[in-house]
Amino acid sequence: MLKERILDKSARIGVIGLGYVGLPLAVEKAKAGFKVIGFDIQESKVKMVNEGHNYIGDVVNADLEKIVSDGHLRATANFDELASCDVIAICVPTPLDVFKQPDLTYVINSTENVAKRLHKDMLVVLESTTYPGTTEDVMKPILEETGLVCGKDFYLAFSPERVDPGNLRYKTKNTPKVVGGVGPESTEIAKLLYESVLDAEVFVVSSPKEAEMTKILENTFRIVNIALINEMAVVADKMGINIWDVINAASTKPFGFMPFFPGPGVGGHCIPIDPFYLTYIARKYDYHTRLIELSGEINDSMPEYVVTRVMKALNERGKCLKGAKVVMLGIAYKEDIEDMRESPALKVLEHLEKSLAHVSVVDPYVSQFEWEGKSVKTVNLSEELIKESDAVIITTAHKKLINYQMIVKNAKYIFDAKNVLSKMGIDAENIEVL
């Protein structure tokens, strides 16, 4: 019985997708005592895992080395090995297409790969963010084409990933988990699995749809509130009001308020993408999620707004943005990590280049990145670079590895889109804040 194999840690676990979600999950399951096989179509990731070389910031290098060397984790691109697994977690990308509609290609391909090797008493869990109904309406029919029946011959559940890259307090191990299975047996076994791995509460909902909607709600809450504060920042600037002082003042209220902060846009895989899964599926029910769509529009407008503010400031100094030397501090979407997924800094770069500015990108966490079909190398921060620049734009709130005192001392003009300098107690006449 699968329950007994989970309890005595003899169940073999497969994790499809060894990215920001899959690799930390595979590592925790291996550390809990399970034998884990990681599956990925990228041979480079497979090779690195098998050599014990880490490429995900939230994974401890020593942990990966140990579980690989003791045989609890290995990786492969051979999906035939799925047949040897008792439990399979699918942690693949779920991007949006150019029309902001869900692309489930990776989920469907992974499910089809599992279906070819599906056997009785197997548990399949989807962790990839998606719209409500995916697990039951997309995955379940594919798996049942084998003739095996969900809830009787195999088990199926959804448990949304909750990964916050760079978070020093909450990692995969100690973040509460939500689980919704197709039927009570699937829910019970999925709950048992995560309880055997995590040091956190496993919260059960009544079906995969509730679990899928939970993830959407979490990130819709954030995109809407970020849009609100971004709009407030634009209005406050027109009125000559310091929005950061306003946020700090409002944060003194001990109830009914939670601070969100403006910036050059919204980045990361989740916040700018997940809410539009709900927008997509809501149309099938003849409902338009106007607040979500408007929030997306506001956040998407912020990179251009940042560049417009810089253009205005340069004009006031008798300098045109066309031909100006601009230094961008940060290309990652979040402070002190290398993750560039959906980074709004890329959109800022796009608008600067459209304005024919000469842009140098500084990011101590990113040595190079793909941009407009070519590989772009970031540059080293130096006094000479800052002195020669007409403007410095802080697009990522990196707190480490950047000498802000030197930048403020040598820059002609700084636009701080993340309010980094004020938080560090740095104030000067050449600083303008979003």
Protein backbone atom coordinates (compact mmCIF):
# COMPACT_ATOMS: atom_id res chain seq x y z
CA MET A 1 0.00 0.00 0.00
CA LEU A 2 1.22 3.48 -0.89
CA LYS A 3 0.39 4.85 2.58
CA GLU A 4 2.73 2.37 4.22
CA ARG A 5 5.51 3.08 1.74
CA ILE A 6 5.19 6.81 2.45
CA LEU A 7 5.25 6.25 6.19
CA ASP A 8 8.32 4.01 6.11
CA LYS A 9 10.01 6.20 3.44
CA SER A 10 10.31 3.32 0.99
CA ALA A 11 8.19 5.10 -1.65
CA ARG A 12 10.23 6.28 -4.62
CA ILE A 13 9.46 9.87 -5.62
CA GLY A 14 9.84 11.50 -9.02
CA VAL A 15 9.96 15.26 -9.53
CA ILE A 16 9.41 16.54 -13.07
CA GLY A 17 11.04 19.92 -13.63
CA LEU A 18 14.21 20.86 -11.73
CA GLY A 19 13.82 24.62 -11.61
CA TYR A 20 13.04 27.10 -8.83
CA VAL A 21 10.20 24.90 -7.53
CA GLY A 22 11.22 21.39 -8.45
CA LEU A 23 14.82 21.25 -7.26
CA PRO A 24 14.16 22.59 -3.73
CA LEU A 25 11.22 20.18 -3.45
CA ALA A 26 13.31 17.24 -4.64
CA VAL A 27 16.05 18.15 -2.16
CA GLU A 28 13.64 18.33 0.79
CA LYS A 29 12.05 15.00 -0.10
CA ALA A 30 15.48 13.41 -0.34
CA LYS A 31 16.56 14.97 2.96
CA ALA A 32 13.42 13.50 4.55
CA GLY A 33 14.72 10.03 3.68
CA PHE A 34 12.99 9.26 0.37
CA LYS A 35 14.79 8.08 -2.75
CA VAL A 36 14.13 10.81 -5.32
CA ILE A 37 14.59 10.95 -9.09
CA GLY A 38 14.56 14.37 -10.71
CA PHE A 39 13.40 14.57 -14.34
CA ASP A 40 14.26 17.41 -16.70
CA ILE A 41 14.54 17.85 -20.46
CA GLN A 42 17.59 20.10 -20.01
CA GLU A 43 20.65 17.88 -19.97
CA SER A 44 22.70 20.65 -18.36
CA LYS A 45 20.50 20.62 -15.25
CA VAL A 46 20.60 16.83 -15.09
CA LYS A 47 24.38 16.86 -15.29
CA MET A 48 24.75 19.53 -12.62
CA VAL A 49 22.44 17.75 -10.17
CA ASN A 50 24.21 14.43 -10.64
CA GLU A 51 27.54 16.17 -10.00
CA GLY A 52 26.13 17.80 -6.87
CA HIS A 53 26.48 21.27 -8.37
CA ASN A 54 23.74 23.64 -7.24
CA TYR A 55 22.17 26.32 -9.49
CA ILE A 56 19.19 27.43 -7.35
CA GLY A 57 19.76 30.06 -4.67
CA ASP A 58 17.31 28.57 -2.17
CA VAL A 59 19.11 25.21 -2.14
CA VAL A 60 22.02 24.78 0.26
CA ASN A 61 25.05 23.54 -1.66
CA ALA A 62 26.12 21.13 1.09
CA ASP A 63 22.63 19.61 1.24
CA LEU A 64 22.63 18.87 -2.47
CA GLU A 65 26.12 17.39 -2.39
CA LYS A 66 25.24 15.11 0.52
CA ILE A 67 21.96 13.69 -0.79
CA VAL A 68 23.50 13.09 -4.22
CA SER A 69 26.57 11.40 -2.80
CA ASP A 70 24.53 9.16 -0.48
CA GLY A 71 22.24 8.11 -3.32
CA HIS A 72 19.01 9.77 -2.18
CA LEU A 73 18.79 12.08 -5.21
CA ARG A 74 19.75 11.66 -8.83
CA ALA A 75 18.54 13.26 -12.05
CA THR A 76 17.75 11.95 -15.51
CA ALA A 77 16.28 12.96 -18.85
CA ASN A 78 14.98 9.42 -19.39
CA PHE A 79 11.27 9.63 -18.64
CA ASP A 80 10.89 5.84 -18.85
CA GLU A 81 12.15 5.84 -15.26
CA LEU A 82 8.83 7.37 -14.19
CA ALA A 83 7.51 3.81 -14.20
CA SER A 84 9.63 3.03 -11.13
CA CYS A 85 8.14 5.89 -9.10
CA ASP A 86 5.32 5.61 -6.56
CA VAL A 87 4.79 9.37 -6.33
CA ILE A 88 5.29 11.97 -9.06
CA ALA A 89 5.28 15.74 -8.53
CA ILE A 90 4.97 17.93 -11.62
CA CYS A 91 6.77 21.26 -11.22
CA VAL A 92 7.04 22.60 -14.76
CA PRO A 93 6.64 26.16 -16.11
CA THR A 94 3.16 27.49 -16.89
CA PRO A 95 3.82 30.68 -18.88
CA LEU A 96 1.43 33.03 -20.62
CA ASP A 97 1.48 33.48 -24.38
CA VAL A 98 1.71 36.89 -26.08
CA PHE A 99 -2.04 37.34 -25.57
CA LYS A 100 -1.72 36.64 -21.81
CA GLN A 101 -3.49 33.31 -22.16
CA PRO A 102 -2.24 30.21 -20.30
CA ASP A 103 0.19 27.91 -22.06
CA LEU A 104 -0.20 24.44 -20.52
CA THR A 105 2.14 22.75 -22.97
CA TYR A 106 4.61 21.66 -20.29
CA VAL A 107 1.87 20.40 -17.97
CA ILE A 108 0.18 18.43 -20.74
CA ASN A 109 3.46 16.96 -22.00
CA SER A 110 4.44 15.94 -18.47
CA THR A 111 1.03 14.38 -17.84
CA GLU A 112 1.27 12.43 -21.09
CA ASN A 113 4.72 11.21 -20.07
CA VAL A 114 3.32 10.06 -16.74
CA ALA A 115 0.32 8.40 -18.40
CA LYS A 116 2.65 6.22 -20.50
CA ARG A 117 4.17 4.86 -17.26
CA LEU A 118 1.18 5.12 -14.92
CA HIS A 119 0.62 2.15 -12.65
CA LYS A 120 -1.73 1.20 -9.85
CA ASP A 121 -1.30 2.84 -6.44
CA MET A 122 0.62 5.82 -7.91
CA LEU A 123 0.12 9.38 -6.64
CA VAL A 124 0.44 12.27 -9.11
CA VAL A 125 0.59 15.82 -7.74
CA LEU A 126 0.60 18.99 -9.83
CA GLU A 127 2.45 21.91 -8.20
CA SER A 128 2.65 24.23 -11.22
CA THR A 129 0.41 27.29 -10.97
CA THR A 130 -2.61 27.08 -13.24
CA TYR A 131 -6.27 27.97 -13.56
CA PRO A 132 -8.98 26.24 -11.50
CA GLY A 133 -10.02 23.04 -13.23
CA THR A 134 -6.69 22.05 -14.77
CA THR A 135 -6.07 19.04 -12.54
CA GLU A 136 -9.53 17.54 -13.04
CA ASP A 137 -10.41 18.72 -16.55
CA VAL A 138 -7.01 18.48 -18.27
CA MET A 139 -4.83 16.01 -16.37
CA LYS A 140 -7.36 13.48 -15.13
CA PRO A 141 -8.75 12.57 -18.61
CA ILE A 142 -5.21 12.08 -19.95
CA LEU A 143 -4.31 9.77 -17.08
CA GLU A 144 -7.58 7.84 -17.28
CA GLU A 145 -7.07 7.14 -20.98
CA THR A 146 -4.84 4.33 -19.70
CA GLY A 147 -7.92 2.53 -18.36
CA LEU A 148 -6.90 3.17 -14.76
CA VAL A 149 -9.47 5.01 -12.65
CA CYS A 150 -8.62 8.02 -10.49
CA GLY A 151 -9.38 7.43 -6.83
CA LYS A 152 -9.50 3.69 -7.31
CA ASP A 153 -6.35 2.70 -9.21
CA PHE A 154 -4.27 5.87 -8.82
CA TYR A 155 -4.41 9.15 -6.94
CA LEU A 156 -4.35 12.73 -8.21
CA ALA A 157 -4.00 16.03 -6.35
CA PHE A 158 -3.00 19.67 -6.68
CA SER A 159 -0.72 21.41 -4.20
CA PRO A 160 0.38 24.92 -5.23
CA GLU A 161 4.03 25.84 -4.93
CA ARG A 162 4.83 28.66 -2.56
CA VAL A 163 8.36 29.69 -3.43
CA ASP A 164 9.76 33.11 -2.58
CA PRO A 165 13.30 33.25 -3.98
CA GLY A 166 15.75 34.84 -1.59
CA ASN A 167 13.43 34.69 1.42
CA LEU A 168 15.71 33.98 4.38
CA ARG A 169 12.91 32.94 6.73
CA TYR A 170 10.53 30.81 4.68
CA LYS A 171 11.83 28.03 2.45
CA THR A 172 10.16 24.94 0.99
CA LYS A 173 10.69 23.05 4.27
CA ASN A 174 8.83 25.41 6.61
CA THR A 175 6.21 27.02 4.36
CA PRO A 176 2.63 25.82 5.02
CA LYS A 177 1.21 23.67 2.21
CA VAL A 178 -2.27 23.55 0.69
CA VAL A 179 -3.53 20.25 -0.72
CA GLY A 180 -6.67 19.38 -2.67
CA GLY A 181 -7.16 15.90 -4.09
CA VAL A 182 -9.59 14.31 -6.52
CA GLY A 183 -11.61 12.50 -3.90
CA PRO A 184 -10.86 11.83 -0.22
CA GLU A 185 -8.33 9.05 -0.85
CA SER A 186 -6.16 11.24 -3.08
CA THR A 187 -6.35 14.09 -0.57
CA GLU A 188 -5.43 11.85 2.35
CA ILE A 189 -2.40 10.33 0.63
CA ALA A 190 -1.13 13.68 -0.70
CA LYS A 191 -1.47 15.20 2.78
CA LEU A 192 0.43 12.27 4.27
CA LEU A 193 3.21 12.75 1.74
CA TYR A 194 3.79 16.41 2.53
CA GLU A 195 3.51 15.81 6.27
CA SER A 196 6.34 13.30 5.85
CA VAL A 197 8.53 15.94 4.22
CA LEU A 198 7.72 19.38 5.62
CA ASP A 199 8.02 21.08 9.00
CA ALA A 200 4.85 23.05 8.38
CA GLU A 201 1.08 22.71 8.46
CA VAL A 202 -0.57 20.89 5.57
CA PHE A 203 -3.97 22.50 5.03
CA VAL A 204 -6.61 20.47 3.21
CA VAL A 205 -9.25 21.94 0.89
CA SER A 206 -12.21 20.12 -0.59
CA SER A 207 -10.94 19.67 -4.17
CA PRO A 208 -8.12 20.58 -6.58
CA LYS A 209 -10.14 23.58 -7.79
CA GLU A 210 -10.05 25.16 -4.33
CA ALA A 211 -6.30 24.54 -4.13
CA GLU A 212 -5.77 25.99 -7.61
CA MET A 213 -7.89 29.04 -6.73
CA THR A 214 -5.94 29.51 -3.49
CA LYS A 215 -2.74 30.13 -5.41
CA ILE A 216 -4.50 32.52 -7.78
CA LEU A 217 -5.98 34.47 -4.87
CA GLU A 218 -2.62 34.80 -3.13
CA ASN A 219 -0.98 36.46 -6.10
CA THR A 220 -4.02 38.41 -7.26
CA PHE A 221 -4.07 40.01 -3.81
CA ARG A 222 -0.54 41.17 -4.44
CA ILE A 223 -0.90 42.37 -8.03
CA VAL A 224 -3.98 44.45 -7.15
CA ASN A 225 -2.38 46.07 -4.11
CA ILE A 226 0.88 46.76 -5.95
CA ALA A 227 -1.12 48.41 -8.73
CA LEU A 228 -2.93 50.52 -6.14
CA ILE A 229 0.28 51.81 -4.60
CA ASN A 230 1.86 52.36 -8.02
CA GLU A 231 -1.11 54.52 -9.01
CA MET A 232 -0.92 56.34 -5.68
CA ALA A 233 2.77 57.02 -6.34
CA VAL A 234 2.00 58.61 -9.72
CA VAL A 235 -0.73 60.81 -8.25
CA ALA A 236 1.39 61.72 -5.23
CA ASP A 237 4.24 62.90 -7.46
CA LYS A 238 1.90 65.17 -9.40
CA MET A 239 0.71 66.64 -6.09
CA GLY A 240 4.22 67.07 -4.68
CA ILE A 241 3.66 64.44 -2.00
CA ASN A 242 6.30 61.97 -0.83
CA ILE A 243 4.50 58.61 -1.18
CA TRP A 244 7.14 56.83 0.91
CA ASP A 245 6.40 59.09 3.88
CA VAL A 246 2.71 58.37 3.37
CA ILE A 247 3.29 54.59 3.36
CA ASN A 248 5.40 54.82 6.51
CA ALA A 249 2.73 56.89 8.24
CA ALA A 250 -0.10 54.57 7.19
CA SER A 251 1.92 51.59 8.41
CA THR A 252 1.67 52.87 11.97
CA LYS A 253 -2.00 51.84 11.97
CA PRO A 254 -2.11 48.53 13.87
CA PHE A 255 -5.15 47.20 12.03
CA GLY A 256 -6.77 47.33 8.60
CA PHE A 257 -3.61 48.24 6.66
CA MET A 258 -0.78 46.29 5.05
CA PRO A 259 2.04 48.19 3.34
CA PHE A 260 2.84 47.65 -0.33
CA PHE A 261 5.51 49.61 -2.16
CA PRO A 262 5.72 51.23 -5.60
CA GLY A 263 8.39 50.34 -8.10
CA PRO A 264 9.31 50.11 -11.78
CA GLY A 265 6.82 47.27 -12.35
CA VAL A 266 6.14 43.74 -11.15
CA GLY A 267 8.54 40.84 -11.62
CA GLY A 268 8.95 37.19 -10.80
CA HIS A 269 7.11 34.22 -12.22
CA CYS A 270 4.02 34.46 -10.01
CA ILE A 271 2.63 37.96 -9.49
CA PRO A 272 2.60 39.24 -13.10
CA ILE A 273 1.37 35.90 -14.47
CA ASP A 274 -0.84 33.91 -12.09
CA PRO A 275 -3.82 36.32 -11.89
CA PHE A 276 -4.26 36.13 -15.66
CA TYR A 277 -4.97 32.42 -15.39
CA LEU A 278 -8.14 33.43 -13.58
CA THR A 279 -8.87 36.14 -16.15
CA TYR A 280 -8.66 33.47 -18.86
CA ILE A 281 -10.92 30.89 -17.24
CA ALA A 282 -13.42 33.52 -16.02
CA ARG A 283 -14.25 34.37 -19.64
CA LYS A 284 -15.55 30.83 -20.07
CA TYR A 285 -18.12 31.72 -17.42
CA ASP A 286 -19.00 34.98 -19.20
CA TYR A 287 -17.29 37.12 -16.58
CA HIS A 288 -14.55 39.66 -17.07
CA THR A 289 -12.15 40.23 -14.18
CA ARG A 290 -11.87 43.96 -14.72
CA LEU A 291 -9.93 44.75 -11.54
CA ILE A 292 -7.23 42.19 -12.36
CA GLU A 293 -6.88 43.40 -15.94
CA LEU A 294 -6.71 47.05 -14.86
CA SER A 295 -4.11 46.19 -12.22
CA GLY A 296 -2.02 44.52 -14.90
CA GLU A 297 -2.28 47.61 -17.10
CA ILE A 298 -1.16 49.91 -14.28
CA ASN A 299 1.81 47.75 -13.34
CA ASP A 300 2.79 47.29 -16.98
CA SER A 301 2.87 51.08 -17.40
CA MET A 302 5.42 51.65 -14.65
CA PRO A 303 8.64 50.98 -16.63
CA GLU A 304 7.69 53.66 -19.16
CA TYR A 305 6.69 55.97 -16.31
CA VAL A 306 10.15 55.56 -14.74
CA VAL A 307 11.85 56.44 -18.02
CA THR A 308 9.53 59.44 -18.49
CA ARG A 309 10.49 60.74 -15.04
CA VAL A 310 14.18 60.35 -15.88
CA MET A 311 13.68 62.08 -19.24
CA LYS A 312 11.96 65.01 -17.52
CA ALA A 313 14.75 65.31 -14.95
CA LEU A 314 17.44 65.30 -17.63
CA ASN A 315 15.54 67.94 -19.62
CA GLU A 316 15.52 70.16 -16.54
CA ARG A 317 19.30 69.75 -16.43
CA GLY A 318 19.65 70.69 -20.09
CA LYS A 319 20.32 67.13 -21.22
CA CYS A 320 18.38 65.04 -23.74
CA LEU A 321 17.73 61.36 -23.02
CA LYS A 322 18.72 60.59 -26.60
CA GLY A 323 22.44 59.96 -26.48
CA ALA A 324 22.58 60.21 -22.68
CA LYS A 325 24.75 57.79 -20.74
CA VAL A 326 22.50 55.89 -18.33
CA VAL A 327 23.56 53.35 -15.74
CA MET A 328 20.92 50.87 -14.61
CA LEU A 329 21.59 49.36 -11.19
CA GLY A 330 19.96 45.93 -11.24
CA ILE A 331 18.46 43.68 -13.90
CA ALA A 332 17.14 40.95 -11.55
CA TYR A 333 13.48 41.21 -10.55
CA LYS A 334 14.24 41.09 -6.83
CA GLU A 335 16.99 42.16 -4.46
CA ASP A 336 20.08 40.06 -3.81
CA ILE A 337 19.23 37.18 -6.16
CA GLU A 338 20.00 36.39 -9.79
CA ASP A 339 16.41 35.60 -10.82
CA MET A 340 15.38 37.65 -13.87
CA ARG A 341 11.98 36.10 -14.61
CA GLU A 342 9.57 38.81 -15.82
CA SER A 343 11.91 41.48 -14.44
CA PRO A 344 10.49 44.98 -14.94
CA ALA A 345 14.07 46.21 -15.30
CA LEU A 346 14.09 44.60 -18.75
CA LYS A 347 11.14 46.79 -19.72
CA VAL A 348 12.94 49.87 -18.37
CA LEU A 349 15.93 48.89 -20.52
CA GLU A 350 13.64 48.50 -23.53
CA HIS A 351 12.20 52.00 -23.14
CA LEU A 352 15.63 53.53 -22.59
CA GLU A 353 16.98 51.93 -25.75
CA LYS A 354 13.92 53.06 -27.72
CA SER A 355 14.79 56.58 -26.55
CA LEU A 356 18.30 56.00 -27.96
CA ALA A 357 20.04 56.30 -24.60
CA HIS A 358 23.39 54.57 -24.10
CA VAL A 359 22.73 52.10 -21.29
CA SER A 360 25.15 50.22 -19.06
CA VAL A 361 23.69 47.56 -16.79
CA VAL A 362 25.28 46.83 -13.42
CA ASP A 363 24.16 43.79 -11.45
CA PRO A 364 26.53 41.92 -9.12
CA TYR A 365 24.31 38.82 -9.29
CA VAL A 366 23.95 38.64 -13.08
CA SER A 367 27.07 38.47 -15.26
CA GLN A 368 25.18 38.29 -18.55
CA PHE A 369 21.65 37.89 -19.87
CA GLU A 370 19.79 37.29 -23.10
CA TRP A 371 18.30 40.43 -24.61
CA GLU A 372 16.80 41.02 -28.06
CA GLY A 373 18.34 37.84 -29.39
CA LYS A 374 21.83 38.52 -28.13
CA SER A 375 23.85 37.93 -24.99
CA VAL A 376 24.48 41.11 -23.01
CA LYS A 377 27.24 41.32 -20.41
CA THR A 378 26.72 43.47 -17.35
CA VAL A 379 29.49 45.91 -16.46
CA ASN A 380 31.48 46.35 -13.27
CA LEU A 381 30.58 49.22 -10.99
CA SER A 382 33.30 51.88 -10.83
CA GLU A 383 33.76 55.56 -9.98
CA GLU A 384 34.63 56.26 -13.61
CA LEU A 385 31.40 54.66 -14.85
CA ILE A 386 29.29 56.71 -12.44
CA LYS A 387 31.13 59.97 -13.05
CA GLU A 388 30.72 59.64 -16.82
CA SER A 389 26.99 58.87 -16.59
CA ASP A 390 24.24 61.42 -17.04
CA ALA A 391 21.79 59.39 -14.96
CA VAL A 392 21.78 56.40 -12.64
CA ILE A 393 18.53 54.45 -12.26
CA ILE A 394 18.14 52.05 -9.34
CA THR A 395 15.85 49.38 -10.78
CA THR A 396 16.54 46.55 -8.30
CA ALA A 397 16.81 46.97 -4.54
CA HIS A 398 20.09 45.08 -4.13
CA LYS A 399 21.30 45.69 -0.59
CA LYS A 400 24.60 43.83 -0.88
CA LEU A 401 27.62 44.11 -3.18
CA ILE A 402 26.85 47.69 -4.31
CA ASN A 403 28.68 50.75 -2.94
CA TYR A 404 25.82 53.25 -2.78
CA GLN A 405 27.90 55.84 -0.92
CA MET A 406 30.31 55.95 -3.84
CA ILE A 407 27.46 56.21 -6.33
CA VAL A 408 25.79 59.12 -4.53
CA LYS A 409 29.13 60.91 -4.18
CA ASN A 410 29.94 60.68 -7.90
CA ALA A 411 26.60 60.65 -9.77
CA LYS A 412 25.18 63.72 -11.44
CA TYR A 413 21.61 62.45 -11.03
CA ILE A 414 20.06 59.35 -9.44
CA PHE A 415 16.51 58.12 -9.90
CA ASP A 416 15.80 55.66 -7.09
CA ALA A 417 12.83 53.58 -8.28
CA LYS A 418 13.02 51.33 -5.19
CA ASN A 419 13.69 53.87 -2.40
CA VAL A 420 16.87 51.98 -1.52
CA LEU A 421 18.92 55.02 -0.55
CA SER A 422 16.42 56.46 1.89
CA LYS A 423 16.10 53.09 3.63
CA MET A 424 19.88 53.12 4.04
CA GLY A 425 19.80 56.61 5.53
CA ILE A 426 21.40 58.20 2.47
CA ASP A 427 20.11 61.61 1.37
CA ALA A 428 21.52 64.03 -1.19
CA GLU A 429 20.36 66.71 -3.63
CA ASN A 430 21.18 64.54 -6.67
CA ILE A 431 18.64 61.86 -5.64
CA GLU A 432 15.06 61.69 -6.91
CA VAL A 433 12.74 58.97 -5.60
CA LEU A 434 9.83 57.32 -7.42
